[in-house]
Amino acid sequence: MRGTLKFIAGRVVEFILTALLVSFFTFAAFSVIPGDSARVMLGPDATEEQVNELREDLGLNRPLIEQYTSWLKGAFTGDLGESVSFSRPVGELIASRLPVTLGISVISLILVILASFPLAAVCSRHPGGKADNAVSLTGHILFAIPPFALSVILILFCSNVLGLYSVGRYASPSENFGRYITSLLLPSLCIALPKIAMTFKFLRSSMIEYSGSDFVRTSKSHGLTDLQILLRHIIPNSAVSSITVISLVLSDIMGGSIVVEQVFNLPGIGRLLLSAISRRDFPLLSGIVLYLAIMTVALYFISDITASLIDPRIRDGRGQTS
C-alpha cells in the first residue's frame, strides 16, 4: 500500500510539472508569434495611440513572465481571459463547444473498444486464416485513408446513396439528446475506423503472444476450453497493454476531431481552434491548447495509475520481471 501511494504521488508531481511546462511554452509560443491582439480587437482603423492604450490595459506591454504569472493565476480559477474575436470569456467559449468534442471522443472510443477486442480475439485464434487476412487487409486500407478523405467518402455515401445523413444537422444534448447522439455517430465513425485498425493490430499481436505462453498450455491440460482460457487468462494478461494503447488512441481521437468537426460543420473545439488561428486570437488559442494539453497529460496519468493497480510490477520495475 505504501509503495502504491508513493508511486501515485510521484505521478501526481510529474503531472503537475508537465502541465506547468506545457502551459508556459504554450503561452510563450503564442506571445512571440507576429500579430497584435490589441489591433485585432480595435480593427484596422484604430490609431496607434488607441492600440497602445489598449495594450496597456490588457497588460501586453508587461514582461513575458509577468504576463504568464497573471494568466496562470487566472487559469487556476477558471479565468483564461477574454477572446479577442468573440468578445466572450475563453472558458465560456470552450465550455460551450465541449459537448461536441467530448461526445465525438466518447462515442469513437466506445466504437473502437466494441469492434477491436472481439475482432482481435477471433483472429488471434487462427492467425493467417481467411478471417484474419481479410480483417488485417481491411485494417491496412482504413489506416492509410486520412480522416478528412474518409469523412468525405462516408458523407457522400450516407447522404447521396443512402439518404440517411445531412451535414450540419446538429442539436445540443439539452435540446434533443437523441438527435445529439445521431448527429455525432457518423463523425465518430470516421475517427474510429482507422483507430479500430490500429488497436486491432496491437491487441491481435498481444493475444497471439499470450496464446503460446506456458500458462495457456497448462490451462488446456487442465481441461479449460479455448473461450475460458481467452476470458480468464489471455484478455486479463493483455489488460495492461490494452490500457496503454487505448490511452494513446483516445489522445489521437481528440486530435483527429479537429479535422472531422470542420468537415461535418460541427460547433466543437476543433472548429473553435481553427477560427482562433485564422483570427490570431491568442487568448483563445492559449486556452484551447492548454485544455488539449492538460487532457492529453491527464489521459497518460490515468492510464499509468490504472496499469500500476492492475500489474504491481510496473510500480516496482516498470513492468519488467526480475
Protein backbone atom coordinates (compact mmCIF):
# COMPACT_ATOMS: atom_id res chain seq x y z
CA MET A 1 0.00 0.00 0.00
CA ARG A 2 2.84 2.36 0.87
CA GLY A 3 4.53 1.62 -2.46
CA THR A 4 1.30 2.31 -4.32
CA LEU A 5 0.81 5.69 -2.61
CA LYS A 6 4.43 6.63 -3.31
CA PHE A 7 4.03 5.70 -6.99
CA ILE A 8 0.78 7.70 -7.29
CA ALA A 9 2.33 10.71 -5.51
CA GLY A 10 5.27 10.63 -7.94
CA ARG A 11 2.91 10.53 -10.90
CA VAL A 12 0.90 13.45 -9.49
CA VAL A 13 4.07 15.55 -9.20
CA GLU A 14 5.04 14.61 -12.78
CA PHE A 15 1.54 15.54 -13.97
CA ILE A 16 1.66 18.99 -12.30
CA LEU A 17 5.18 19.76 -13.57
CA THR A 18 4.32 18.64 -17.10
CA ALA A 19 1.12 20.72 -17.12
CA LEU A 20 3.06 23.80 -15.91
CA LEU A 21 5.79 23.36 -18.54
CA VAL A 22 3.24 22.85 -21.31
CA SER A 23 1.28 25.93 -20.21
CA PHE A 24 4.44 28.09 -20.10
CA PHE A 25 5.75 27.02 -23.52
CA THR A 26 2.25 27.40 -24.99
CA PHE A 27 1.90 30.92 -23.62
CA ALA A 28 5.44 31.88 -24.64
CA ALA A 29 4.99 30.50 -28.18
CA PHE A 30 1.82 32.47 -28.82
CA SER A 31 3.36 35.59 -27.29
CA VAL A 32 6.21 35.71 -29.84
CA ILE A 33 4.08 34.90 -32.90
CA PRO A 34 3.73 38.00 -35.14
CA GLY A 35 0.38 39.74 -34.73
CA ASP A 36 -1.16 42.29 -32.40
CA SER A 37 -4.20 41.23 -30.36
CA ALA A 38 -4.98 44.84 -29.46
CA ARG A 39 -5.09 45.90 -33.12
CA VAL A 40 -7.29 42.91 -33.97
CA MET A 41 -9.74 43.94 -31.24
CA LEU A 42 -9.88 47.59 -32.34
CA GLY A 43 -9.85 46.95 -36.09
CA PRO A 44 -7.67 48.34 -38.89
CA ASP A 45 -8.98 51.90 -38.50
CA ALA A 46 -7.69 52.30 -34.94
CA THR A 47 -4.96 54.83 -34.31
CA GLU A 48 -1.59 53.91 -32.85
CA GLU A 49 -2.47 55.77 -29.66
CA GLN A 50 -5.66 53.72 -29.20
CA VAL A 51 -3.77 50.47 -29.82
CA ASN A 52 -1.07 51.36 -27.28
CA GLU A 53 -3.69 52.34 -24.72
CA LEU A 54 -5.50 49.00 -25.10
CA ARG A 55 -2.21 47.09 -24.93
CA GLU A 56 -1.53 48.85 -21.63
CA ASP A 57 -5.00 47.96 -20.30
CA LEU A 58 -4.58 44.31 -21.29
CA GLY A 59 -1.10 44.09 -19.82
CA LEU A 60 0.52 43.25 -23.17
CA ASN A 61 3.35 45.72 -22.51
CA ARG A 62 4.47 43.88 -19.38
CA PRO A 63 7.40 41.37 -19.40
CA LEU A 64 6.54 37.86 -20.55
CA ILE A 65 7.00 36.23 -17.13
CA GLU A 66 4.60 38.75 -15.53
CA GLN A 67 2.01 38.13 -18.23
CA TYR A 68 2.36 34.37 -17.76
CA THR A 69 2.09 34.56 -13.96
CA SER A 70 -1.07 36.65 -14.23
CA TRP A 71 -2.52 34.29 -16.86
CA LEU A 72 -1.64 31.22 -14.77
CA LYS A 73 -3.36 32.65 -11.69
CA GLY A 74 -6.45 33.21 -13.78
CA ALA A 75 -6.23 29.70 -15.24
CA PHE A 76 -6.28 28.17 -11.75
CA THR A 77 -9.56 29.98 -11.06
CA GLY A 78 -11.03 29.20 -14.49
CA ASP A 79 -10.40 32.70 -15.86
CA LEU A 80 -8.45 32.32 -19.10
CA GLY A 81 -9.11 35.86 -20.25
CA GLU A 82 -11.41 37.17 -22.93
CA SER A 83 -11.47 36.14 -26.58
CA VAL A 84 -10.33 38.92 -28.89
CA SER A 85 -12.58 37.93 -31.80
CA PHE A 86 -15.68 36.74 -29.90
CA SER A 87 -15.58 39.25 -27.01
CA ARG A 88 -16.55 36.47 -24.60
CA PRO A 89 -14.65 34.73 -21.78
CA VAL A 90 -12.37 31.97 -23.14
CA GLY A 91 -13.56 29.47 -20.52
CA GLU A 92 -17.19 30.08 -21.50
CA LEU A 93 -16.41 29.56 -25.20
CA ILE A 94 -14.55 26.29 -24.54
CA ALA A 95 -17.35 25.03 -22.27
CA SER A 96 -19.98 25.78 -24.93
CA ARG A 97 -18.09 23.69 -27.52
CA LEU A 98 -17.12 20.88 -25.15
CA PRO A 99 -20.23 18.67 -25.65
CA VAL A 100 -19.38 18.18 -29.34
CA THR A 101 -15.72 17.25 -28.90
CA LEU A 102 -16.29 15.14 -25.80
CA GLY A 103 -19.28 13.42 -27.41
CA ILE A 104 -17.28 12.51 -30.51
CA SER A 105 -14.36 11.28 -28.37
CA VAL A 106 -16.53 9.09 -26.13
CA ILE A 107 -18.56 7.58 -28.99
CA SER A 108 -15.38 6.96 -31.02
CA LEU A 109 -13.72 5.22 -28.08
CA ILE A 110 -16.78 3.02 -27.50
CA LEU A 111 -16.78 2.02 -31.18
CA VAL A 112 -13.04 1.24 -31.02
CA ILE A 113 -13.43 -0.99 -27.95
CA LEU A 114 -16.57 -2.76 -29.18
CA ALA A 115 -15.00 -3.57 -32.55
CA SER A 116 -11.28 -4.14 -31.89
CA PHE A 117 -11.48 -6.51 -28.92
CA PRO A 118 -13.84 -9.10 -30.50
CA LEU A 119 -12.01 -8.93 -33.85
CA ALA A 120 -8.63 -9.40 -32.16
CA ALA A 121 -9.95 -12.30 -30.06
CA VAL A 122 -11.39 -14.09 -33.10
CA CYS A 123 -8.43 -13.51 -35.42
CA SER A 124 -5.81 -14.41 -32.80
CA ARG A 125 -7.27 -17.91 -32.52
CA HIS A 126 -6.47 -18.67 -36.20
CA PRO A 127 -3.55 -16.44 -37.29
CA GLY A 128 -3.12 -16.39 -41.06
CA GLY A 129 -6.65 -17.71 -41.67
CA LYS A 130 -9.14 -16.23 -44.10
CA ALA A 131 -10.87 -14.11 -41.45
CA ASP A 132 -7.55 -12.87 -40.08
CA ASN A 133 -6.24 -11.94 -43.54
CA ALA A 134 -9.49 -10.20 -44.51
CA VAL A 135 -9.66 -8.14 -41.31
CA SER A 136 -5.95 -7.28 -41.47
CA LEU A 137 -6.21 -6.14 -45.10
CA THR A 138 -9.26 -4.02 -44.36
CA GLY A 139 -7.44 -2.53 -41.39
CA HIS A 140 -4.42 -1.57 -43.52
CA ILE A 141 -6.70 0.17 -46.02
CA LEU A 142 -8.62 2.10 -43.34
CA PHE A 143 -5.43 3.09 -41.55
CA ALA A 144 -4.00 4.52 -44.78
CA ILE A 145 -7.00 6.76 -45.54
CA PRO A 146 -6.72 10.28 -44.00
CA PRO A 147 -9.65 11.24 -41.70
CA PHE A 148 -10.82 14.10 -43.94
CA ALA A 149 -10.91 11.84 -47.01
CA LEU A 150 -12.77 9.13 -45.09
CA SER A 151 -15.21 11.79 -43.86
CA VAL A 152 -15.96 12.95 -47.40
CA ILE A 153 -16.43 9.37 -48.63
CA LEU A 154 -18.85 8.49 -45.81
CA ILE A 155 -20.77 11.75 -46.20
CA LEU A 156 -21.26 11.14 -49.93
CA PHE A 157 -22.25 7.51 -49.36
CA CYS A 158 -24.63 8.10 -46.45
CA SER A 159 -26.16 11.31 -47.86
CA ASN A 160 -26.35 10.71 -51.61
CA VAL A 161 -26.62 6.92 -51.76
CA LEU A 162 -28.47 6.00 -48.55
CA GLY A 163 -30.11 9.36 -47.83
CA LEU A 164 -29.54 8.85 -44.10
CA TYR A 165 -27.40 11.82 -43.18
CA SER A 166 -27.37 15.57 -43.62
CA VAL A 167 -24.27 17.61 -42.76
CA GLY A 168 -24.75 20.33 -40.16
CA ARG A 169 -27.91 18.92 -38.53
CA TYR A 170 -26.54 19.18 -35.02
CA ALA A 171 -28.63 19.50 -31.85
CA SER A 172 -27.26 20.18 -28.37
CA PRO A 173 -27.79 17.48 -25.71
CA SER A 174 -30.12 19.76 -23.74
CA GLU A 175 -32.22 20.46 -26.84
CA ASN A 176 -32.62 16.91 -28.18
CA PHE A 177 -30.37 14.20 -26.74
CA GLY A 178 -31.35 11.55 -29.30
CA ARG A 179 -30.58 13.85 -32.21
CA TYR A 180 -27.37 14.93 -30.46
CA ILE A 181 -26.14 11.31 -30.42
CA THR A 182 -27.23 10.54 -34.01
CA SER A 183 -25.61 13.72 -35.34
CA LEU A 184 -22.25 12.61 -33.86
CA LEU A 185 -22.38 8.95 -34.93
CA LEU A 186 -21.00 9.38 -38.46
CA PRO A 187 -18.21 11.82 -37.45
CA SER A 188 -17.29 9.44 -34.63
CA LEU A 189 -17.20 6.51 -37.06
CA CYS A 190 -14.84 8.44 -39.36
CA ILE A 191 -12.41 8.91 -36.48
CA ALA A 192 -12.92 5.42 -35.04
CA LEU A 193 -12.34 3.30 -38.16
CA PRO A 194 -8.57 3.96 -38.50
CA LYS A 195 -8.19 3.65 -34.71
CA ILE A 196 -10.03 0.30 -34.77
CA ALA A 197 -7.46 -0.92 -37.30
CA MET A 198 -4.55 0.26 -35.14
CA THR A 199 -5.97 -1.12 -31.88
CA PHE A 200 -6.93 -4.43 -33.51
CA LYS A 201 -3.40 -4.94 -34.82
CA PHE A 202 -1.86 -4.27 -31.41
CA LEU A 203 -4.31 -6.46 -29.48
CA ARG A 204 -4.09 -9.29 -32.04
CA SER A 205 -0.29 -9.44 -31.65
CA SER A 206 -0.57 -9.35 -27.86
CA MET A 207 -3.18 -12.11 -27.75
CA ILE A 208 -1.22 -14.33 -30.16
CA GLU A 209 1.86 -13.90 -27.96
CA TYR A 210 -0.04 -14.89 -24.82
CA SER A 211 -1.73 -17.79 -26.61
CA GLY A 212 1.65 -19.54 -26.84
CA SER A 213 2.53 -18.99 -23.19
CA ASP A 214 3.15 -21.79 -20.70
CA PHE A 215 0.13 -20.89 -18.56
CA VAL A 216 -2.16 -21.33 -21.59
CA ARG A 217 -0.77 -24.80 -22.29
CA THR A 218 -1.18 -25.66 -18.61
CA SER A 219 -4.77 -24.43 -18.67
CA LYS A 220 -5.51 -26.61 -21.71
CA SER A 221 -4.06 -29.64 -19.93
CA HIS A 222 -6.46 -28.93 -17.05
CA GLY A 223 -9.41 -29.17 -19.42
CA LEU A 224 -10.29 -25.49 -19.89
CA THR A 225 -11.96 -24.58 -23.19
CA ASP A 226 -10.50 -22.00 -25.59
CA LEU A 227 -13.19 -19.50 -24.59
CA GLN A 228 -12.45 -19.97 -20.87
CA ILE A 229 -8.72 -19.53 -21.47
CA LEU A 230 -9.41 -16.40 -23.52
CA LEU A 231 -11.64 -14.81 -20.87
CA ARG A 232 -9.70 -15.91 -17.78
CA HIS A 233 -6.09 -15.62 -18.93
CA ILE A 234 -5.36 -14.08 -22.33
CA ILE A 235 -7.56 -10.96 -22.10
CA PRO A 236 -6.63 -10.18 -18.44
CA ASN A 237 -2.92 -10.55 -19.22
CA SER A 238 -3.37 -8.20 -22.19
CA ALA A 239 -5.12 -5.63 -19.96
CA VAL A 240 -2.03 -3.53 -19.18
CA SER A 241 -1.03 -3.28 -22.85
CA SER A 242 -4.66 -2.57 -23.73
CA ILE A 243 -4.86 0.34 -21.28
CA THR A 244 -1.71 1.87 -22.74
CA VAL A 245 -2.83 1.61 -26.35
CA ILE A 246 -6.35 2.85 -25.53
CA SER A 247 -4.93 5.97 -23.84
CA LEU A 248 -2.85 6.63 -26.97
CA VAL A 249 -5.89 6.07 -29.17
CA LEU A 250 -8.05 8.42 -27.09
CA SER A 251 -5.50 11.24 -27.26
CA ASP A 252 -5.27 10.64 -31.02
CA ILE A 253 -9.07 10.74 -31.26
CA MET A 254 -9.15 14.16 -29.60
CA GLY A 255 -6.64 15.46 -32.13
CA GLY A 256 -8.48 13.87 -35.06
CA SER A 257 -11.75 15.54 -34.11
CA ILE A 258 -10.31 18.94 -35.16
CA VAL A 259 -10.39 17.99 -38.85
CA VAL A 260 -13.60 15.98 -38.70
CA GLU A 261 -15.54 18.77 -36.97
CA GLN A 262 -14.61 21.11 -39.78
CA VAL A 263 -15.70 18.65 -42.49
CA PHE A 264 -19.02 17.88 -40.76
CA ASN A 265 -19.65 21.54 -39.85
CA LEU A 266 -19.93 20.75 -36.13
CA PRO A 267 -19.50 23.51 -33.50
CA GLY A 268 -16.77 21.80 -31.50
CA ILE A 269 -13.43 22.81 -30.03
CA GLY A 270 -11.66 21.85 -33.27
CA ARG A 271 -13.56 24.46 -35.29
CA LEU A 272 -13.07 26.97 -32.49
CA LEU A 273 -9.31 26.34 -32.63
CA LEU A 274 -9.16 26.87 -36.39
CA SER A 275 -11.20 30.06 -36.03
CA ALA A 276 -8.82 31.32 -33.33
CA ILE A 277 -5.81 30.60 -35.56
CA SER A 278 -7.27 32.40 -38.57
CA ARG A 279 -8.18 35.46 -36.44
CA ARG A 280 -4.93 35.48 -34.43
CA ASP A 281 -6.96 35.28 -31.23
CA PHE A 282 -4.05 34.50 -28.88
CA PRO A 283 -6.03 34.36 -25.58
CA LEU A 284 -8.43 31.83 -27.11
CA LEU A 285 -5.59 29.89 -28.75
CA SER A 286 -3.69 29.67 -25.47
CA GLY A 287 -6.79 28.49 -23.61
CA ILE A 288 -7.66 25.77 -26.14
CA VAL A 289 -4.11 24.45 -26.45
CA LEU A 290 -3.79 24.43 -22.65
CA TYR A 291 -7.05 22.47 -22.38
CA LEU A 292 -5.96 19.92 -25.03
CA ALA A 293 -2.51 19.55 -23.48
CA ILE A 294 -3.84 19.01 -19.96
CA MET A 295 -6.40 16.49 -21.23
CA THR A 296 -3.65 14.55 -23.01
CA VAL A 297 -1.33 14.57 -19.99
CA ALA A 298 -4.26 13.56 -17.75
CA LEU A 299 -5.02 10.56 -20.01
CA TYR A 300 -1.45 9.28 -19.70
CA PHE A 301 -1.55 9.91 -15.95
CA ILE A 302 -4.78 7.91 -15.55
CA SER A 303 -3.50 5.07 -17.75
CA ASP A 304 -0.26 4.90 -15.72
CA ILE A 305 -2.12 4.71 -12.42
CA THR A 306 -4.65 2.17 -13.74
CA ALA A 307 -1.93 -0.05 -15.22
CA SER A 308 0.06 0.05 -11.96
CA LEU A 309 -3.00 -1.02 -9.96
CA ILE A 310 -3.55 -3.98 -12.31
CA ASP A 311 0.11 -5.02 -12.51
CA PRO A 312 2.24 -4.17 -9.42
CA ARG A 313 5.43 -4.92 -11.39
CA ILE A 314 5.04 -1.54 -13.09
CA ARG A 315 5.40 0.20 -9.72
CA ASP A 316 8.43 -1.88 -8.81
CA GLY A 317 10.33 -2.28 -12.05
CA ARG A 318 8.46 -0.62 -14.90
CA GLY A 319 6.70 -3.82 -15.84
CA GLN A 320 9.84 -5.94 -16.05
CA THR A 321 10.12 -9.13 -14.15
CA SER A 322 13.30 -9.83 -12.15
